[in-house]
């Protein structure tokens, strides 16, 4: 198994939107600065551009987990 370490990068959503050609390395954790107290996080896979990666934790996910 390949060993790796995680890198955490954080910035505003506005600045991440400008990084149109940025492809995060595998296991790079991208944190969008908190907007309305809700974190938005993506994890790089070394293949897809940042804009193509799904959010792992977002307002929509929080809302879905609160519905009983």
Protein backbone atom coordinates (compact mmCIF):
# COMPACT_ATOMS: atom_id res chain seq x y z
CA UNK A 1 0.00 0.00 0.00
CA UNK A 2 1.26 3.45 -0.91
CA UNK A 3 1.96 5.69 2.08
CA UNK A 4 1.06 9.34 1.89
CA UNK A 5 0.51 12.32 4.11
CA UNK A 6 -2.29 14.86 3.97
CA UNK A 7 -1.81 18.53 3.18
CA UNK A 8 -4.45 21.05 4.24
CA UNK A 9 -5.03 24.20 2.17
CA UNK A 10 -7.56 26.86 3.06
CA UNK A 11 -8.79 29.97 1.27
CA UNK A 12 -11.97 31.86 0.48
CA UNK A 13 -14.52 30.48 -1.97
CA UNK A 14 -13.82 33.51 -4.15
CA UNK A 15 -10.12 32.65 -4.40
CA UNK A 16 -10.75 28.94 -4.97
CA UNK A 17 -13.05 29.88 -7.86
CA UNK A 18 -10.08 31.62 -9.50
CA UNK A 19 -8.02 28.41 -9.38
CA UNK A 20 -9.62 27.04 -12.55
CA UNK A 21 -6.67 24.85 -13.59
CA UNK A 22 -5.69 23.67 -10.10
CA UNK A 23 -5.59 19.90 -9.63
CA UNK A 24 -5.01 19.09 -5.95
CA UNK A 25 -2.57 16.28 -5.24
CA UNK A 26 -3.90 13.02 -3.85
CA UNK A 27 -5.03 13.46 -0.22
CA UNK A 28 -4.80 17.27 -0.32
CA UNK A 29 -7.61 18.61 1.85
CA UNK A 30 -9.16 21.78 0.46
CA UNK A 31 -11.08 23.86 3.00
CA UNK A 32 -13.23 26.74 1.86
CA UNK A 33 -13.29 29.37 4.60
CA UNK A 34 -16.47 29.14 6.61
CA UNK A 35 -19.47 30.81 5.05
CA UNK A 36 -22.41 31.20 7.42
CA UNK A 37 -20.75 28.81 9.92
CA UNK A 38 -20.79 25.88 7.49
CA UNK A 39 -17.47 24.34 6.38
CA UNK A 40 -17.02 23.20 2.80
CA UNK A 41 -14.35 20.57 2.22
CA UNK A 42 -12.97 18.70 -0.79
CA UNK A 43 -10.19 16.10 -1.00
CA UNK A 44 -7.89 15.98 -4.00
CA UNK A 45 -7.34 12.78 -5.94
CA UNK A 46 -4.45 13.97 -8.10
CA UNK A 47 -6.57 13.52 -11.24
CA UNK A 48 -9.55 15.90 -11.19
CA UNK A 49 -9.52 19.67 -11.14
CA UNK A 50 -10.80 21.35 -7.98
CA UNK A 51 -14.02 22.41 -9.70
CA UNK A 52 -14.76 18.78 -10.61
CA UNK A 53 -14.38 17.42 -7.07
CA UNK A 54 -17.51 17.07 -4.92
CA UNK A 55 -17.85 18.69 -1.53
CA UNK A 56 -17.57 16.17 1.28
CA UNK A 57 -19.22 18.32 3.90
CA UNK A 58 -21.53 21.14 2.99
CA UNK A 59 -24.71 22.84 4.11
CA UNK A 60 -26.80 20.43 2.05
CA UNK A 61 -25.20 17.39 3.70
CA UNK A 62 -25.75 18.88 7.15
CA UNK A 63 -29.42 19.56 6.33
CA UNK A 64 -29.90 15.98 5.10
CA UNK A 65 -28.44 14.50 8.28
CA UNK A 66 -30.71 16.61 10.47
CA UNK A 67 -33.89 15.38 8.78
CA UNK A 68 -35.40 12.51 10.79
